[in-house]
Amino acid sequence: MRSISTQHAAPRLDQKRVNVDFPLWMVEQLVLEAFRLEVTRQSIIKVWLTERLERRRHEHIVDTSECDLHTLH
């Protein structure tokens, strides 16, 4: 297994398509918020997830030495 330092690793800019099922109420709220901010629904999802993951990364540095990130689906 390969150890990845989350503090010094370059951002991984390659992309992978994922499908996520959201409850209808959540989709409706995403549409309203995206409209209010004048962005796409996909953009608001990406921004919010990025903010949350960045906050989490700064709160706790994840030790990935025991974890193979490619097997986490």
N, C-alpha and C. Protein backbone atom coordinates (compact mmCIF):
# COMPACT_ATOMS: atom_id res chain seq x y z
N MET A 1 0.82 -1.18 0.00
CA MET A 1 0.00 0.00 0.00
C MET A 1 0.87 1.25 0.00
N ARG A 2 0.39 2.25 -0.66
CA ARG A 2 1.14 3.49 -0.81
C ARG A 2 0.65 4.53 0.18
N SER A 3 1.55 5.23 0.83
CA SER A 3 1.17 6.28 1.76
C SER A 3 1.06 7.60 1.02
N ILE A 4 -0.02 8.31 1.26
CA ILE A 4 -0.24 9.60 0.60
C ILE A 4 -0.33 10.66 1.69
N SER A 5 0.52 11.67 1.62
CA SER A 5 0.46 12.77 2.57
C SER A 5 -0.58 13.75 2.10
N THR A 6 -1.63 13.94 2.89
CA THR A 6 -2.70 14.85 2.47
C THR A 6 -2.27 16.30 2.59
N GLN A 7 -1.22 16.56 3.37
CA GLN A 7 -0.76 17.93 3.51
C GLN A 7 0.02 18.40 2.29
N HIS A 8 0.75 17.50 1.65
CA HIS A 8 1.65 17.91 0.58
C HIS A 8 1.28 17.35 -0.78
N ALA A 9 0.24 16.57 -0.84
CA ALA A 9 -0.15 15.98 -2.12
C ALA A 9 -0.74 17.05 -3.04
N ALA A 10 -0.37 16.99 -4.29
CA ALA A 10 -0.95 17.90 -5.28
C ALA A 10 -2.42 17.52 -5.46
N PRO A 11 -3.27 18.51 -5.71
CA PRO A 11 -4.68 18.18 -5.91
C PRO A 11 -4.86 17.25 -7.10
N ARG A 12 -5.72 16.26 -6.95
CA ARG A 12 -5.99 15.33 -8.04
C ARG A 12 -7.09 15.93 -8.90
N LEU A 13 -6.71 16.37 -10.07
CA LEU A 13 -7.65 17.07 -10.94
C LEU A 13 -8.32 16.16 -11.96
N ASP A 14 -7.87 14.90 -12.03
CA ASP A 14 -8.56 13.98 -12.92
C ASP A 14 -9.96 13.76 -12.36
N GLN A 15 -10.89 13.42 -13.22
CA GLN A 15 -12.28 13.34 -12.79
C GLN A 15 -12.82 11.93 -12.97
N LYS A 16 -13.82 11.64 -12.17
CA LYS A 16 -14.54 10.37 -12.27
C LYS A 16 -16.01 10.67 -12.08
N ARG A 17 -16.81 10.19 -12.97
CA ARG A 17 -18.26 10.41 -12.90
C ARG A 17 -18.84 9.48 -11.85
N VAL A 18 -19.69 10.04 -11.00
CA VAL A 18 -20.41 9.24 -10.00
C VAL A 18 -21.89 9.59 -10.08
N ASN A 19 -22.70 8.63 -9.77
CA ASN A 19 -24.14 8.84 -9.73
C ASN A 19 -24.58 8.82 -8.28
N VAL A 20 -25.36 9.81 -7.90
CA VAL A 20 -25.85 9.92 -6.53
C VAL A 20 -27.36 10.13 -6.59
N ASP A 21 -28.08 9.36 -5.82
CA ASP A 21 -29.53 9.55 -5.73
C ASP A 21 -29.83 10.41 -4.52
N PHE A 22 -30.55 11.52 -4.75
CA PHE A 22 -30.95 12.43 -3.69
C PHE A 22 -32.46 12.38 -3.53
N PRO A 23 -32.93 12.58 -2.31
CA PRO A 23 -34.38 12.71 -2.15
C PRO A 23 -34.88 13.94 -2.91
N LEU A 24 -36.11 13.89 -3.34
CA LEU A 24 -36.68 14.98 -4.13
C LEU A 24 -36.59 16.32 -3.41
N TRP A 25 -36.84 16.37 -2.12
CA TRP A 25 -36.79 17.64 -1.39
C TRP A 25 -35.40 18.26 -1.48
N MET A 26 -34.36 17.40 -1.47
CA MET A 26 -32.99 17.89 -1.53
C MET A 26 -32.68 18.46 -2.92
N VAL A 27 -33.14 17.78 -3.95
CA VAL A 27 -32.94 18.27 -5.32
C VAL A 27 -33.63 19.62 -5.49
N GLU A 28 -34.84 19.73 -4.97
CA GLU A 28 -35.58 20.99 -5.08
C GLU A 28 -34.82 22.12 -4.37
N GLN A 29 -34.27 21.85 -3.20
CA GLN A 29 -33.51 22.86 -2.48
C GLN A 29 -32.22 23.22 -3.21
N LEU A 30 -31.58 22.22 -3.82
CA LEU A 30 -30.37 22.49 -4.61
C LEU A 30 -30.69 23.37 -5.81
N VAL A 31 -31.80 23.10 -6.47
CA VAL A 31 -32.21 23.90 -7.62
C VAL A 31 -32.45 25.35 -7.19
N LEU A 32 -33.16 25.54 -6.10
CA LEU A 32 -33.44 26.89 -5.61
C LEU A 32 -32.15 27.63 -5.24
N GLU A 33 -31.26 26.95 -4.54
CA GLU A 33 -30.00 27.59 -4.14
C GLU A 33 -29.12 27.89 -5.35
N ALA A 34 -29.07 26.97 -6.29
CA ALA A 34 -28.29 27.20 -7.51
C ALA A 34 -28.85 28.39 -8.29
N PHE A 35 -30.17 28.47 -8.38
CA PHE A 35 -30.80 29.59 -9.07
C PHE A 35 -30.47 30.91 -8.37
N ARG A 36 -30.57 30.90 -7.04
CA ARG A 36 -30.29 32.11 -6.25
C ARG A 36 -28.86 32.59 -6.47
N LEU A 37 -27.92 31.64 -6.54
CA LEU A 37 -26.51 31.99 -6.73
C LEU A 37 -26.10 32.12 -8.19
N GLU A 38 -27.05 31.83 -9.08
CA GLU A 38 -26.81 31.89 -10.53
C GLU A 38 -25.68 30.98 -10.98
N VAL A 39 -25.73 29.75 -10.48
CA VAL A 39 -24.79 28.71 -10.88
C VAL A 39 -25.59 27.46 -11.20
N THR A 40 -24.91 26.46 -11.73
CA THR A 40 -25.60 25.20 -12.03
C THR A 40 -25.74 24.37 -10.75
N ARG A 41 -26.65 23.44 -10.80
CA ARG A 41 -26.85 22.53 -9.67
C ARG A 41 -25.57 21.74 -9.39
N GLN A 42 -24.92 21.29 -10.45
CA GLN A 42 -23.67 20.55 -10.29
C GLN A 42 -22.61 21.41 -9.61
N SER A 43 -22.54 22.68 -9.98
CA SER A 43 -21.55 23.57 -9.38
C SER A 43 -21.77 23.74 -7.88
N ILE A 44 -23.01 23.92 -7.48
CA ILE A 44 -23.27 24.11 -6.05
C ILE A 44 -22.94 22.85 -5.27
N ILE A 45 -23.21 21.70 -5.83
CA ILE A 45 -22.86 20.44 -5.17
C ILE A 45 -21.34 20.34 -5.02
N LYS A 46 -20.61 20.63 -6.08
CA LYS A 46 -19.14 20.56 -6.02
C LYS A 46 -18.57 21.54 -5.01
N VAL A 47 -19.09 22.76 -5.01
CA VAL A 47 -18.59 23.78 -4.08
C VAL A 47 -18.84 23.35 -2.64
N TRP A 48 -20.05 22.92 -2.34
CA TRP A 48 -20.38 22.54 -0.97
C TRP A 48 -19.58 21.32 -0.52
N LEU A 49 -19.43 20.34 -1.40
CA LEU A 49 -18.62 19.17 -1.04
C LEU A 49 -17.15 19.55 -0.83
N THR A 50 -16.64 20.41 -1.69
CA THR A 50 -15.26 20.86 -1.54
C THR A 50 -15.06 21.58 -0.22
N GLU A 51 -15.98 22.48 0.12
CA GLU A 51 -15.88 23.20 1.38
C GLU A 51 -15.87 22.24 2.57
N ARG A 52 -16.76 21.28 2.54
CA ARG A 52 -16.85 20.31 3.65
C ARG A 52 -15.60 19.46 3.75
N LEU A 53 -15.11 18.96 2.62
CA LEU A 53 -13.92 18.11 2.63
C LEU A 53 -12.68 18.90 3.05
N GLU A 54 -12.57 20.13 2.59
CA GLU A 54 -11.44 20.97 3.00
C GLU A 54 -11.47 21.24 4.50
N ARG A 55 -12.65 21.54 5.03
CA ARG A 55 -12.79 21.78 6.46
C ARG A 55 -12.39 20.53 7.24
N ARG A 56 -12.86 19.39 6.78
CA ARG A 56 -12.55 18.11 7.44
C ARG A 56 -11.05 17.82 7.38
N ARG A 57 -10.46 18.11 6.23
CA ARG A 57 -9.02 17.86 6.06
C ARG A 57 -8.21 18.71 7.03
N HIS A 58 -8.63 19.94 7.24
CA HIS A 58 -7.91 20.81 8.15
C HIS A 58 -8.15 20.43 9.61
N GLU A 59 -9.31 19.87 9.91
CA GLU A 59 -9.61 19.45 11.28
C GLU A 59 -8.83 18.21 11.67
N HIS A 60 -8.76 17.27 10.77
CA HIS A 60 -8.09 15.99 11.04
C HIS A 60 -7.30 15.57 9.82
N ILE A 61 -6.00 15.47 9.98
CA ILE A 61 -5.18 14.96 8.89
C ILE A 61 -5.37 13.45 8.85
N VAL A 62 -5.87 12.98 7.73
CA VAL A 62 -6.20 11.57 7.60
C VAL A 62 -4.94 10.77 7.32
N ASP A 63 -4.74 9.72 8.09
CA ASP A 63 -3.62 8.81 7.86
C ASP A 63 -4.07 7.76 6.87
N THR A 64 -3.57 7.85 5.65
CA THR A 64 -3.99 6.91 4.61
C THR A 64 -3.01 5.76 4.45
N SER A 65 -2.02 5.64 5.35
CA SER A 65 -1.04 4.57 5.20
C SER A 65 -1.68 3.19 5.32
N GLU A 66 -2.80 3.08 6.03
CA GLU A 66 -3.49 1.80 6.19
C GLU A 66 -4.68 1.68 5.25
N CYS A 67 -4.84 2.60 4.33
CA CYS A 67 -6.04 2.64 3.51
C CYS A 67 -5.67 2.75 2.04
N ASP A 68 -6.23 1.90 1.22
CA ASP A 68 -6.05 1.99 -0.22
C ASP A 68 -7.22 2.79 -0.77
N LEU A 69 -6.98 4.04 -1.17
CA LEU A 69 -8.05 4.93 -1.61
C LEU A 69 -8.79 4.42 -2.85
N HIS A 70 -8.13 3.60 -3.65
CA HIS A 70 -8.75 3.12 -4.88
C HIS A 70 -9.78 2.02 -4.61
N THR A 71 -9.75 1.43 -3.41
CA THR A 71 -10.74 0.39 -3.12
C THR A 71 -11.97 0.95 -2.43
N LEU A 72 -11.94 2.24 -2.05
CA LEU A 72 -13.09 2.86 -1.41
C LEU A 72 -14.04 3.38 -2.48
N HIS A 73 -15.15 2.77 -2.65
CA HIS A 73 -16.10 3.18 -3.69
C HIS A 73 -17.32 3.76 -3.04
